[in-house]
Amino acid sequence: MNEDDTLDIRDPWTMPYLEYEQTFIKALRKQIGRSHLLFGRDVQVLALRRDPDAVIYETVDEPLLYVLVFHSWSEPVVPRRGKNLKTEVLASREAVRQRVDKDHAEWKAQFSQKSKA
């Protein structure tokens, strides 16, 4: 990994605590079906967000993929496989960086709008 590969994860995104990463991966595996592009893939969590409930996964195996998955934690128990979760493929690590930056700018803007009111 070179210096350009370093991601600056900023609000509203956060890095998961390592002890909880497997919880997100298990939830993903439980919720997706065979047709999902991450089905059966070895993944790690790059970032997570609470509103909306979303996780950016990176595949560890080839081909390398960056995938934003919108989870549903609203049920008392994580729903079983059925309809695949809403998913966005991010084309590269740079696309992940751009998504985090865009979401951060929108997140910051909400505070400046509230202070003007």
C-alpha atoms as a PDB file:
ATOM      1  CA  MET A   1       0.000   0.000   0.000  1.00  0.00           C
ATOM      2  CA  ASN A   2       1.405   3.370  -0.901  1.00  0.00           C
ATOM      3  CA  GLU A   3       0.623   6.766   0.612  1.00  0.00           C
ATOM      4  CA  ASP A   4      -2.089   7.461  -1.995  1.00  0.00           C
ATOM      5  CA  ASP A   5      -4.013   4.385  -0.804  1.00  0.00           C
ATOM      6  CA  THR A   6      -4.585   5.849   2.662  1.00  0.00           C
ATOM      7  CA  LEU A   7      -8.235   6.757   3.247  1.00  0.00           C
ATOM      8  CA  ASP A   8      -9.234   9.671   5.438  1.00  0.00           C
ATOM      9  CA  ILE A   9     -12.510   8.435   6.957  1.00  0.00           C
ATOM     10  CA  ARG A  10     -14.531  11.418   8.209  1.00  0.00           C
ATOM     11  CA  ASP A  11     -18.008  12.054   9.612  1.00  0.00           C
ATOM     12  CA  PRO A  12     -20.597  10.806   8.985  1.00  0.00           C
ATOM     13  CA  TRP A  13     -18.459   7.747   8.193  1.00  0.00           C
ATOM     14  CA  THR A  14     -16.346   6.054  10.838  1.00  0.00           C
ATOM     15  CA  MET A  15     -13.923   3.177  11.124  1.00  0.00           C
ATOM     16  CA  PRO A  16     -15.247   0.077  12.870  1.00  0.00           C
ATOM     17  CA  TYR A  17     -13.589  -1.213  16.008  1.00  0.00           C
ATOM     18  CA  LEU A  18     -11.707  -4.333  14.954  1.00  0.00           C
ATOM     19  CA  GLU A  19     -13.540  -6.469  17.509  1.00  0.00           C
ATOM     20  CA  TYR A  20     -16.848  -5.628  15.755  1.00  0.00           C
ATOM     21  CA  GLU A  21     -15.739  -6.044  12.138  1.00  0.00           C
ATOM     22  CA  GLN A  22     -16.783  -9.697  12.047  1.00  0.00           C
ATOM     23  CA  THR A  23     -20.269  -8.715  13.259  1.00  0.00           C
ATOM     24  CA  PHE A  24     -20.768  -6.630  10.107  1.00  0.00           C
ATOM     25  CA  ILE A  25     -19.311  -9.339   7.879  1.00  0.00           C
ATOM     26  CA  LYS A  26     -21.574 -11.996   9.437  1.00  0.00           C
ATOM     27  CA  ALA A  27     -24.602  -9.722   8.978  1.00  0.00           C
ATOM     28  CA  LEU A  28     -23.672  -9.223   5.330  1.00  0.00           C
ATOM     29  CA  ARG A  29     -23.331 -12.949   4.731  1.00  0.00           C
ATOM     30  CA  LYS A  30     -26.639 -13.614   6.456  1.00  0.00           C
ATOM     31  CA  GLN A  31     -28.534 -10.980   4.455  1.00  0.00           C
ATOM     32  CA  ILE A  32     -27.290 -11.499   0.896  1.00  0.00           C
ATOM     33  CA  GLY A  33     -28.205 -14.182  -1.599  1.00  0.00           C
ATOM     34  CA  ARG A  34     -26.212 -16.039  -4.236  1.00  0.00           C
ATOM     35  CA  SER A  35     -26.793 -13.327  -6.839  1.00  0.00           C
ATOM     36  CA  HIS A  36     -25.092 -10.610  -4.742  1.00  0.00           C
ATOM     37  CA  LEU A  37     -21.596  -9.739  -5.979  1.00  0.00           C
ATOM     38  CA  LEU A  38     -20.131 -10.199  -2.479  1.00  0.00           C
ATOM     39  CA  PHE A  39     -21.665 -13.658  -1.993  1.00  0.00           C
ATOM     40  CA  GLY A  40     -18.881 -16.082  -1.077  1.00  0.00           C
ATOM     41  CA  ARG A  41     -16.222 -13.366  -1.215  1.00  0.00           C
ATOM     42  CA  ASP A  42     -13.631 -12.692   1.478  1.00  0.00           C
ATOM     43  CA  VAL A  43     -14.247  -9.102   2.639  1.00  0.00           C
ATOM     44  CA  GLN A  44     -13.136  -6.529   5.182  1.00  0.00           C
ATOM     45  CA  VAL A  45     -14.899  -3.403   6.424  1.00  0.00           C
ATOM     46  CA  LEU A  46     -13.425  -0.068   5.337  1.00  0.00           C
ATOM     47  CA  ALA A  47     -16.014   2.274   6.865  1.00  0.00           C
ATOM     48  CA  LEU A  48     -19.501   2.378   8.314  1.00  0.00           C
ATOM     49  CA  ARG A  49     -22.261   4.927   8.668  1.00  0.00           C
ATOM     50  CA  ARG A  50     -25.307   5.013  10.938  1.00  0.00           C
ATOM     51  CA  ASP A  51     -27.660   7.244   8.944  1.00  0.00           C
ATOM     52  CA  PRO A  52     -28.349   5.580   6.634  1.00  0.00           C
ATOM     53  CA  ASP A  53     -27.073   2.248   7.932  1.00  0.00           C
ATOM     54  CA  ALA A  54     -24.343   1.542   5.427  1.00  0.00           C
ATOM     55  CA  VAL A  55     -21.025  -0.261   5.261  1.00  0.00           C
ATOM     56  CA  ILE A  56     -18.271  -0.012   2.679  1.00  0.00           C
ATOM     57  CA  TYR A  57     -16.725  -3.436   2.147  1.00  0.00           C
ATOM     58  CA  GLU A  58     -13.481  -4.188   0.335  1.00  0.00           C
ATOM     59  CA  THR A  59     -12.827  -7.649  -1.047  1.00  0.00           C
ATOM     60  CA  VAL A  60      -9.636  -9.270   0.147  1.00  0.00           C
ATOM     61  CA  ASP A  61      -9.545 -11.765  -2.709  1.00  0.00           C
ATOM     62  CA  GLU A  62      -9.293 -10.964  -6.429  1.00  0.00           C
ATOM     63  CA  PRO A  63     -10.786  -9.235  -8.265  1.00  0.00           C
ATOM     64  CA  LEU A  64     -10.633  -6.312  -5.859  1.00  0.00           C
ATOM     65  CA  LEU A  65     -14.031  -4.660  -5.318  1.00  0.00           C
ATOM     66  CA  TYR A  66     -15.271  -1.770  -3.187  1.00  0.00           C
ATOM     67  CA  VAL A  67     -18.945  -2.132  -2.389  1.00  0.00           C
ATOM     68  CA  LEU A  68     -21.276   0.127  -0.410  1.00  0.00           C
ATOM     69  CA  VAL A  69     -24.079  -1.924   1.137  1.00  0.00           C
ATOM     70  CA  PHE A  70     -27.126  -0.396   2.817  1.00  0.00           C
ATOM     71  CA  HIS A  71     -28.093  -2.650   5.717  1.00  0.00           C
ATOM     72  CA  SER A  72     -31.354  -2.798   7.604  1.00  0.00           C
ATOM     73  CA  TRP A  73     -30.806  -3.017  11.340  1.00  0.00           C
ATOM     74  CA  SER A  74     -34.367  -1.935  12.126  1.00  0.00           C
ATOM     75  CA  GLU A  75     -35.595  -5.477  12.708  1.00  0.00           C
ATOM     76  CA  PRO A  76     -34.910  -7.008  16.140  1.00  0.00           C
ATOM     77  CA  VAL A  77     -32.999  -9.812  14.429  1.00  0.00           C
ATOM     78  CA  VAL A  78     -30.995  -9.292  11.261  1.00  0.00           C
ATOM     79  CA  PRO A  79     -33.225 -10.449   8.396  1.00  0.00           C
ATOM     80  CA  ARG A  80     -32.350 -13.672   6.631  1.00  0.00           C
ATOM     81  CA  ARG A  81     -31.423 -13.876   2.992  1.00  0.00           C
ATOM     82  CA  GLY A  82     -34.097 -12.917   0.615  1.00  0.00           C
ATOM     83  CA  LYS A  83     -34.073  -9.870  -1.537  1.00  0.00           C
ATOM     84  CA  ASN A  84     -30.525  -8.530  -1.858  1.00  0.00           C
ATOM     85  CA  LEU A  85     -29.636  -5.363  -0.003  1.00  0.00           C
ATOM     86  CA  LYS A  86     -29.303  -2.072  -1.868  1.00  0.00           C
ATOM     87  CA  THR A  87     -25.740  -2.012  -3.106  1.00  0.00           C
ATOM     88  CA  GLU A  88     -23.481   0.457  -4.905  1.00  0.00           C
ATOM     89  CA  VAL A  89     -20.198  -0.567  -6.501  1.00  0.00           C
ATOM     90  CA  LEU A  90     -17.439   1.990  -6.039  1.00  0.00           C
ATOM     91  CA  ALA A  91     -15.013   1.670  -8.953  1.00  0.00           C
ATOM     92  CA  SER A  92     -11.782   2.161  -7.014  1.00  0.00           C
ATOM     93  CA  ARG A  93     -10.232   3.238  -3.750  1.00  0.00           C
ATOM     94  CA  GLU A  94     -10.307   6.773  -5.183  1.00  0.00           C
ATOM     95  CA  ALA A  95     -14.087   6.406  -5.679  1.00  0.00           C
ATOM     96  CA  VAL A  96     -14.372   5.422  -1.993  1.00  0.00           C
ATOM     97  CA  ARG A  97     -12.392   8.547  -1.073  1.00  0.00           C
ATOM     98  CA  GLN A  98     -14.668  10.706  -3.242  1.00  0.00           C
ATOM     99  CA  ARG A  99     -17.819   9.190  -1.684  1.00  0.00           C
ATOM    100  CA  VAL A 100     -16.550   9.826   1.845  1.00  0.00           C
ATOM    101  CA  ASP A 101     -15.572  13.400   0.901  1.00  0.00           C
ATOM    102  CA  LYS A 102     -18.975  14.066  -0.720  1.00  0.00           C
ATOM    103  CA  ASP A 103     -20.876  12.693   2.269  1.00  0.00           C
ATOM    104  CA  HIS A 104     -18.655  14.677   4.641  1.00  0.00           C
ATOM    105  CA  ALA A 105     -19.350  17.929   2.761  1.00  0.00           C
ATOM    106  CA  GLU A 106     -23.115  17.255   2.875  1.00  0.00           C
ATOM    107  CA  TRP A 107     -22.899  16.345   6.561  1.00  0.00           C
ATOM    108  CA  LYS A 108     -21.029  19.602   7.388  1.00  0.00           C
ATOM    109  CA  ALA A 109     -23.450  21.676   5.297  1.00  0.00           C
ATOM    110  CA  GLN A 110     -26.401  20.623   7.450  1.00  0.00           C
ATOM    111  CA  PHE A 111     -24.814  22.351  10.457  1.00  0.00           C
ATOM    112  CA  SER A 112     -24.171  25.613   8.641  1.00  0.00           C
ATOM    113  CA  GLN A 113     -27.780  25.602   7.375  1.00  0.00           C
ATOM    114  CA  LYS A 114     -29.091  25.108  10.905  1.00  0.00           C
ATOM    115  CA  SER A 115     -27.010  27.985  12.255  1.00  0.00           C
ATOM    116  CA  LYS A 116     -28.438  30.329   9.577  1.00  0.00           C
ATOM    117  CA  ALA A 117     -32.010  29.525  10.616  1.00  0.00           C
END
